[in-house]
Amino acid sequence: MTIHWCGTGLSAIPGLRRLIADGRDVTVWNRDTGKARAALGDLTDRIRAFDMNALAAQVDKGDVVVSMLPADWHVALAELAIGRRAHFVSSSYIAPEMRALNDAAKLAGVALVNEVGLDPGIDHVMAHWLMADYRASPAFDAKNTLSFLSYCGGIPKNTNAFRYKFSWSPAGVLKALRSPSRSIRDFSELRVDRPWDAIRSYTAPLPQPETFEVYPNRDSLPFMAEYGIEPGWPVREFVRGTLRLNGWTDAWSDIFEEIETLEGPEGDARIEEMSAELWAQNAYGEDDPDRVVMCVSLKAEREGRAVYHKTYVMDAWGDARGTAMSRLVSEPVALAVEAVLAQEIAAGVSAAPSDAHLVARWMQTVDRLAQHLQVVDHLG
């Protein structure tokens, strides 16, 4: 079985190198073969120029197609995989068009696995662990009031005045700031048009507790069912969000003000201009370490008293192995590829696994990748 890994950007390399070094049958596809050879040439010469027709001619039944390309390629690659009775893996969110391929994937007997990077990915696995732990605990009761939060952020390890640095085009971050979000706060749905309208303070339970700015992103609500929260359970809070350094809101205030005025093609053009300016001013330097902090927490209350409260907390930063972001995005993708080849993930469209054995394997790997990983029991 061949792994066809498409895309060798900054967040793809560690997991890809791991698969090749482990002796897996891997063909690398990238639009710029020179960049791919610079990153992987010491391990393999099976590097091809990415082309859909050329790829289709090489994919066989039982192979795995991995997309680390921009999101607009995922559905086309998944459709190619189904047509060749091959599997598909991506770290990106499941788009409605990807979800619509579920029946076709099941009929073909292939797995289309998504959301297996950092966020989404490791956060899902932490959530599944917490929900399984809670259900197995004496505290479990369907009448308990639940509060769930999941915050993740890529931040500079060495703080700068801008309170952020970019490892890839800032345009993606700027566009995300224009996106609305849905979450649960105080038992009610909270809709926010712009993230800066919902900034809160959050203290992460690190060995030295640290306070960050956080805000909800995207639509959190579908993940309630994904994580096993059943209809009718009282939910005080449910949010999946982004974590930023303290002072980020003030440092970005001028950007927020301008973004709010941008519309249509002219607005998109201005986003690209701003992106180029921000990249020039605030990109990571070659020896400038990044940092990733993730906290996923579940709290259950009965009659106003906490009966279960645990947080899975991770802190990782760039070191001799490369950036924290690249490790934590690409190595879980490699884990998903291995699980698919071992037939441990069912046919159809799915996200990061909830199976206890796979969850344990994922978190053992994360423990190796991060400098700090801990489940904090706030009740003892």
Protein backbone atom coordinates (compact mmCIF):
# COMPACT_ATOMS: atom_id res chain seq x y z
CA MET A 1 0.00 0.00 0.00
CA THR A 2 1.37 3.39 -1.00
CA ILE A 3 0.93 6.65 0.90
CA HIS A 4 0.53 9.54 -1.54
CA TRP A 5 1.40 12.60 0.56
CA CYS A 6 0.34 15.80 -1.21
CA GLY A 7 1.87 19.03 0.05
CA THR A 8 5.15 19.68 1.86
CA GLY A 9 4.48 23.01 3.53
CA LEU A 10 5.85 24.08 6.89
CA SER A 11 3.39 21.98 8.91
CA ALA A 12 3.82 18.78 6.88
CA ILE A 13 7.44 17.77 7.26
CA PRO A 14 7.94 15.98 10.65
CA GLY A 15 5.09 13.50 10.17
CA LEU A 16 6.07 12.87 6.57
CA ARG A 17 9.71 12.28 7.50
CA ARG A 18 8.58 9.88 10.21
CA LEU A 19 6.59 7.75 7.76
CA ILE A 20 9.47 7.62 5.28
CA ALA A 21 12.06 6.89 7.99
CA ASP A 22 9.85 4.06 9.30
CA GLY A 23 10.08 2.37 5.91
CA ARG A 24 6.56 3.14 4.72
CA ASP A 25 5.91 3.14 0.97
CA VAL A 26 5.57 6.90 0.39
CA THR A 27 5.35 9.01 -2.75
CA VAL A 28 5.61 12.74 -2.15
CA TRP A 29 3.64 15.14 -4.38
CA ASN A 30 4.31 18.87 -4.31
CA ARG A 31 3.85 21.73 -6.73
CA ASP A 32 7.42 22.87 -6.06
CA THR A 33 9.58 19.75 -6.24
CA GLY A 34 12.68 21.77 -5.38
CA LYS A 35 11.28 22.71 -1.98
CA ALA A 36 10.22 19.11 -1.37
CA ARG A 37 13.71 17.83 -2.21
CA ALA A 38 15.28 20.38 0.11
CA ALA A 39 13.11 19.12 2.98
CA LEU A 40 13.11 15.38 2.21
CA GLY A 41 15.82 14.59 -0.31
CA ASP A 42 18.05 12.99 2.30
CA LEU A 43 15.36 10.34 2.86
CA THR A 44 13.69 9.76 -0.52
CA ASP A 45 13.88 10.46 -4.23
CA ARG A 46 10.22 9.58 -4.78
CA ILE A 47 9.15 13.20 -5.20
CA ARG A 48 6.73 14.08 -7.98
CA ALA A 49 5.27 17.34 -9.31
CA PHE A 50 1.69 17.54 -8.05
CA ASP A 51 -0.85 17.02 -10.82
CA MET A 52 -4.30 15.48 -10.40
CA ASN A 53 -4.09 13.36 -13.55
CA ALA A 54 -0.61 12.09 -12.72
CA LEU A 55 -1.71 11.32 -9.16
CA ALA A 56 -4.83 9.48 -10.33
CA ALA A 57 -2.71 7.27 -12.55
CA GLN A 58 -0.60 6.21 -9.55
CA VAL A 59 -3.27 5.63 -6.87
CA ASP A 60 -4.30 1.99 -6.38
CA LYS A 61 -6.89 0.22 -4.24
CA GLY A 62 -6.00 0.35 -0.56
CA ASP A 63 -3.58 3.27 -0.90
CA VAL A 64 -3.86 6.41 1.22
CA VAL A 65 -4.07 9.91 -0.24
CA VAL A 66 -2.97 12.58 2.25
CA SER A 67 -3.87 16.21 1.56
CA MET A 68 -1.74 18.86 3.23
CA LEU A 69 -2.70 21.24 0.42
CA PRO A 70 -5.03 24.25 0.80
CA ALA A 71 -8.58 23.31 1.82
CA ASP A 72 -10.09 23.80 -1.63
CA TRP A 73 -8.20 20.70 -2.85
CA HIS A 74 -9.53 18.29 -0.19
CA VAL A 75 -12.87 17.31 -1.70
CA ALA A 76 -11.41 16.72 -5.18
CA LEU A 77 -8.68 14.52 -3.71
CA ALA A 78 -11.20 12.63 -1.58
CA GLU A 79 -13.35 12.03 -4.66
CA LEU A 80 -10.29 10.77 -6.52
CA ALA A 81 -9.54 8.43 -3.61
CA ILE A 82 -13.08 7.02 -3.58
CA GLY A 83 -12.92 6.43 -7.32
CA ARG A 84 -9.70 4.44 -6.90
CA ARG A 85 -10.96 2.68 -3.72
CA ALA A 86 -8.22 4.38 -1.74
CA HIS A 87 -8.40 6.10 1.65
CA PHE A 88 -8.03 9.82 2.36
CA VAL A 89 -6.53 11.75 5.30
CA SER A 90 -6.51 15.51 6.00
CA SER A 91 -5.89 17.70 9.03
CA SER A 92 -8.61 20.20 8.02
CA TYR A 93 -12.17 20.69 9.23
CA ILE A 94 -14.88 18.59 7.60
CA ALA A 95 -16.61 20.79 5.03
CA PRO A 96 -20.26 20.05 4.08
CA GLU A 97 -19.03 18.87 0.67
CA MET A 98 -16.72 16.38 2.39
CA ARG A 99 -19.52 15.20 4.70
CA ALA A 100 -21.66 14.57 1.62
CA LEU A 101 -19.16 11.90 0.48
CA ASN A 102 -19.93 9.67 3.47
CA ASP A 103 -22.26 7.24 1.69
CA ALA A 104 -19.99 6.94 -1.35
CA ALA A 105 -16.99 6.27 0.91
CA LYS A 106 -18.86 3.57 2.83
CA LEU A 107 -19.99 1.95 -0.42
CA ALA A 108 -16.38 1.92 -1.64
CA GLY A 109 -15.18 0.61 1.74
CA VAL A 110 -12.73 3.46 2.28
CA ALA A 111 -12.08 5.86 5.17
CA LEU A 112 -12.05 9.63 4.67
CA VAL A 113 -10.38 10.84 7.87
CA ASN A 114 -10.25 14.56 8.64
CA GLU A 115 -9.53 16.84 11.60
CA VAL A 116 -6.45 14.89 12.71
CA GLY A 117 -3.92 17.70 13.15
CA LEU A 118 -3.46 20.01 16.13
CA ASP A 119 -6.69 22.02 16.21
CA PRO A 120 -8.76 20.34 14.97
CA GLY A 121 -7.22 17.03 15.96
CA ILE A 122 -5.42 16.72 19.28
CA ASP A 123 -8.14 18.83 20.89
CA HIS A 124 -10.76 16.30 19.76
CA VAL A 125 -8.75 13.42 21.21
CA MET A 126 -8.39 15.23 24.55
CA ALA A 127 -12.15 15.87 24.58
CA HIS A 128 -12.92 12.21 23.89
CA TRP A 129 -10.58 11.18 26.73
CA LEU A 130 -12.25 13.57 29.17
CA MET A 131 -15.77 12.47 28.23
CA ALA A 132 -14.85 8.79 28.58
CA ASP A 133 -13.18 9.48 31.93
CA TYR A 134 -16.22 11.41 33.17
CA ARG A 135 -18.68 8.72 32.05
CA ALA A 136 -16.61 6.09 33.86
CA SER A 137 -16.38 8.14 37.07
CA PRO A 138 -18.70 7.94 40.11
CA ALA A 139 -19.58 11.58 39.44
CA PHE A 140 -21.38 10.81 36.19
CA ASP A 141 -25.05 11.73 36.13
CA ALA A 142 -27.07 12.86 33.12
CA LYS A 143 -28.61 15.54 35.36
CA ASN A 144 -25.27 17.19 36.12
CA THR A 145 -24.63 20.63 34.64
CA LEU A 146 -21.66 20.54 32.23
CA SER A 147 -19.16 23.20 31.26
CA PHE A 148 -16.72 22.42 28.43
CA LEU A 149 -14.00 24.61 27.02
CA SER A 150 -11.25 23.99 24.50
CA TYR A 151 -8.67 26.68 23.78
CA CYS A 152 -5.61 26.42 21.55
CA GLY A 153 -3.16 28.97 20.23
CA GLY A 154 0.11 29.21 18.36
CA ILE A 155 2.01 32.06 19.98
CA PRO A 156 5.61 33.30 20.06
CA LYS A 157 7.65 31.78 22.85
CA ASN A 158 9.54 35.07 23.17
CA THR A 159 6.94 37.81 23.56
CA ASN A 160 7.02 40.70 21.08
CA ALA A 161 5.17 44.02 21.06
CA PHE A 162 2.67 42.71 18.50
CA ARG A 163 1.91 39.73 20.78
CA TYR A 164 1.96 37.38 17.77
CA LYS A 165 4.17 36.07 14.97
CA PHE A 166 3.33 34.42 11.67
CA SER A 167 4.67 31.11 10.40
CA TRP A 168 2.63 31.32 7.17
CA SER A 169 0.62 33.90 5.27
CA PRO A 170 -1.19 36.29 7.64
CA ALA A 171 -4.11 36.44 5.19
CA GLY A 172 -5.65 33.31 6.74
CA VAL A 173 -5.58 34.84 10.22
CA LEU A 174 -7.06 38.10 8.96
CA LYS A 175 -9.88 36.33 7.12
CA ALA A 176 -10.66 34.23 10.19
CA LEU A 177 -11.12 37.43 12.17
CA ARG A 178 -14.03 38.29 9.86
CA SER A 179 -15.82 35.00 10.61
CA PRO A 180 -18.76 34.70 13.03
CA SER A 181 -18.89 32.11 15.80
CA ARG A 182 -21.45 30.16 17.83
CA SER A 183 -20.97 28.76 21.31
CA ILE A 184 -22.87 28.25 24.57
CA ARG A 185 -22.52 30.73 27.43
CA ASP A 186 -24.76 30.81 30.53
CA PHE A 187 -27.02 28.06 29.08
CA SER A 188 -27.76 30.14 25.96
CA GLU A 189 -26.43 30.23 22.43
CA LEU A 190 -23.89 33.01 21.96
CA ARG A 191 -23.49 34.35 18.42
CA VAL A 192 -20.55 36.66 17.78
CA ASP A 193 -19.86 38.38 14.47
CA ARG A 194 -16.29 39.35 15.30
CA PRO A 195 -13.92 37.62 17.77
CA TRP A 196 -12.90 40.81 19.52
CA ASP A 197 -16.49 41.23 20.70
CA ALA A 198 -16.12 38.14 22.91
CA ILE A 199 -12.60 38.37 24.34
CA ARG A 200 -12.27 36.86 27.81
CA SER A 201 -9.43 36.16 30.22
CA TYR A 202 -8.44 32.53 30.88
CA THR A 203 -5.88 31.18 33.32
CA ALA A 204 -4.26 28.01 31.98
CA PRO A 205 -3.40 25.44 34.69
CA LEU A 206 0.24 25.13 33.63
CA PRO A 207 2.94 24.29 36.21
CA GLN A 208 3.22 28.07 36.55
CA PRO A 209 -0.37 29.24 35.90
CA GLU A 210 -0.50 31.71 33.03
CA THR A 211 -3.28 34.04 31.90
CA PHE A 212 -4.22 34.43 28.24
CA GLU A 213 -6.83 36.18 26.14
CA VAL A 214 -9.33 33.78 24.53
CA TYR A 215 -12.27 34.00 22.15
CA PRO A 216 -14.71 31.54 20.51
CA ASN A 217 -14.10 30.55 16.91
CA ARG A 218 -16.20 28.95 14.18
CA ASP A 219 -19.30 26.98 15.20
CA SER A 220 -18.75 25.06 18.42
CA LEU A 221 -22.25 23.59 18.64
CA PRO A 222 -21.93 20.56 16.29
CA PHE A 223 -19.07 19.27 18.44
CA MET A 224 -21.37 18.76 21.43
CA ALA A 225 -22.75 15.61 19.79
CA GLU A 226 -19.32 14.71 18.39
CA TYR A 227 -17.93 14.60 21.93
CA GLY A 228 -20.87 12.61 23.32
CA ILE A 229 -22.92 15.31 25.06
CA GLU A 230 -26.45 14.01 24.72
CA PRO A 231 -29.62 16.02 24.03
CA GLY A 232 -31.27 17.07 27.27
CA TRP A 233 -28.09 17.28 29.33
CA PRO A 234 -27.84 20.71 31.02
CA VAL A 235 -24.92 22.63 29.47
CA ARG A 236 -23.82 25.89 31.07
CA GLU A 237 -20.92 26.51 28.70
CA PHE A 238 -19.54 24.91 25.56
CA VAL A 239 -16.85 26.66 23.56
CA ARG A 240 -14.02 25.82 21.21
CA GLY A 241 -11.80 28.84 20.86
CA THR A 242 -8.48 30.51 20.18
CA LEU A 243 -5.86 31.46 22.76
CA ARG A 244 -3.66 34.55 22.46
CA LEU A 245 -1.04 36.28 24.62
CA ASN A 246 -2.21 38.94 27.05
CA GLY A 247 -2.14 42.32 25.35
CA TRP A 248 -3.09 40.89 21.95
CA THR A 249 -6.38 42.80 21.77
CA ASP A 250 -4.69 46.15 22.37
CA ALA A 251 -1.81 45.37 19.99
CA TRP A 252 -4.25 44.47 17.21
CA SER A 253 -6.85 47.19 17.81
CA ASP A 254 -6.00 49.12 14.64
CA ILE A 255 -6.26 45.92 12.59
CA PHE A 256 -9.67 45.10 14.08
CA GLU A 257 -10.89 48.59 13.29
CA GLU A 258 -9.83 48.36 9.65
CA ILE A 259 -11.01 44.79 9.09
CA GLU A 260 -14.50 45.79 10.14
CA THR A 261 -14.69 48.25 7.24
CA LEU A 262 -13.50 45.87 4.49
CA GLU A 263 -16.01 44.50 2.00
CA GLY A 264 -16.08 42.88 -1.45
CA PRO A 265 -13.16 42.55 -3.89
CA GLU A 266 -11.56 45.79 -2.66
CA GLY A 267 -11.65 44.46 0.88
CA ASP A 268 -10.07 41.19 -0.22
CA ALA A 269 -7.32 43.13 -2.02
CA ARG A 270 -6.66 45.15 1.13
CA ILE A 271 -6.43 41.92 3.15
CA GLU A 272 -3.64 40.77 0.82
CA GLU A 273 -1.84 44.09 1.24
CA MET A 274 -2.13 43.89 5.01
CA SER A 275 -0.93 40.31 4.90
CA ALA A 276 2.26 41.29 3.07
CA GLU A 277 2.90 44.13 5.52
CA LEU A 278 2.36 41.93 8.59
CA TRP A 279 4.54 39.18 7.17
CA ALA A 280 7.39 41.62 6.65
CA GLN A 281 7.06 42.98 10.19
CA ASN A 282 6.12 39.93 12.29
CA ALA A 283 7.24 36.66 10.67
CA TYR A 284 9.16 34.09 12.68
CA GLY A 285 12.92 34.31 12.23
CA GLU A 286 15.01 31.22 11.56
CA ASP A 287 16.04 30.83 15.21
CA ASP A 288 12.85 32.24 16.72
CA PRO A 289 10.97 29.52 18.64
CA ASP A 290 7.21 29.21 18.40
CA ARG A 291 4.95 27.94 21.17
CA VAL A 292 1.63 26.07 21.27
CA VAL A 293 -0.63 26.03 24.32
CA MET A 294 -3.77 23.87 24.42
CA CYS A 295 -6.25 23.44 27.27
CA VAL A 296 -9.33 21.21 27.07
CA SER A 297 -11.50 21.19 30.19
CA LEU A 298 -14.65 19.42 31.37
CA LYS A 299 -16.52 20.37 34.54
CA ALA A 300 -19.66 18.75 35.96
CA GLU A 301 -21.70 20.36 38.73
CA ARG A 302 -24.48 19.01 40.93
CA GLU A 303 -26.59 21.37 43.02
CA GLY A 304 -24.03 24.13 42.44
CA ARG A 305 -21.03 22.05 43.54
CA ALA A 306 -18.34 20.70 41.22
CA VAL A 307 -18.29 16.87 41.25
CA TYR A 308 -15.90 16.43 38.32
CA HIS A 309 -13.41 18.93 36.93
CA LYS A 310 -10.35 18.01 34.85
CA THR A 311 -8.28 19.84 32.28
CA TYR A 312 -5.97 18.29 29.70
CA VAL A 313 -3.21 20.88 29.29
CA MET A 314 -0.34 20.94 26.80
CA ASP A 315 2.59 23.32 26.35
CA ALA A 316 5.06 22.85 23.50
CA TRP A 317 7.67 25.00 21.83
CA GLY A 318 10.13 24.92 18.98
CA ASP A 319 13.42 23.15 19.60
CA ALA A 320 16.07 21.18 17.70
CA ARG A 321 13.28 18.98 16.28
CA GLY A 322 11.71 21.98 14.53
CA THR A 323 8.67 24.09 15.29
CA ALA A 324 6.04 22.99 17.78
CA MET A 325 3.32 23.69 15.21
CA SER A 326 4.82 21.43 12.54
CA ARG A 327 5.30 18.56 15.00
CA LEU A 328 1.81 18.81 16.46
CA VAL A 329 0.04 19.12 13.10
CA SER A 330 1.87 16.55 10.99
CA GLU A 331 2.67 13.72 13.40
CA PRO A 332 -1.01 13.15 14.28
CA VAL A 333 -1.66 13.04 10.52
CA ALA A 334 0.96 10.29 10.30
CA LEU A 335 -0.79 8.47 13.17
CA ALA A 336 -4.07 8.63 11.25
CA VAL A 337 -2.40 7.22 8.14
CA GLU A 338 -1.01 4.32 10.15
CA ALA A 339 -4.41 3.64 11.74
CA VAL A 340 -6.11 3.63 8.34
CA LEU A 341 -3.56 1.20 6.92
CA ALA A 342 -4.09 -1.03 9.97
CA GLN A 343 -7.86 -0.95 9.33
CA GLU A 344 -8.47 0.62 12.73
CA ILE A 345 -10.76 3.36 11.38
CA ALA A 346 -14.13 2.51 9.83
CA ALA A 347 -15.16 3.38 6.29
CA GLY A 348 -16.90 6.71 5.76
CA VAL A 349 -16.20 10.31 6.71
CA SER A 350 -14.84 10.76 10.22
CA ALA A 351 -12.83 13.09 12.43
CA ALA A 352 -10.14 12.35 15.02
CA PRO A 353 -10.89 8.99 16.65
CA SER A 354 -12.67 8.38 19.95
CA ASP A 355 -11.65 4.71 20.22
CA ALA A 356 -9.87 4.25 23.56
CA HIS A 357 -6.86 2.44 22.08
CA LEU A 358 -6.30 5.08 19.42
CA VAL A 359 -6.83 7.88 21.94
CA ALA A 360 -4.14 6.35 24.16
CA ARG A 361 -1.75 6.00 21.21
CA TRP A 362 -2.37 9.58 20.09
CA MET A 363 -1.70 11.00 23.55
CA GLN A 364 1.44 8.91 24.03
CA THR A 365 2.78 10.51 20.86
CA VAL A 366 1.71 14.00 21.95
CA ASP A 367 3.52 13.43 25.25
CA ARG A 368 6.70 12.86 23.23
CA LEU A 369 6.13 15.90 21.03
CA ALA A 370 5.26 18.44 23.74
CA GLN A 371 7.46 19.66 26.56
CA HIS A 372 4.54 19.51 28.99
CA LEU A 373 1.40 17.36 28.95
CA GLN A 374 -0.78 16.77 32.00
CA VAL A 375 -4.31 16.00 33.09
CA VAL A 376 -5.04 18.41 35.95
CA ASP A 377 -7.65 17.25 38.46
CA HIS A 378 -8.99 20.46 39.97
CA LEU A 379 -10.81 18.55 42.72
CA GLY A 380 -7.83 16.70 44.07
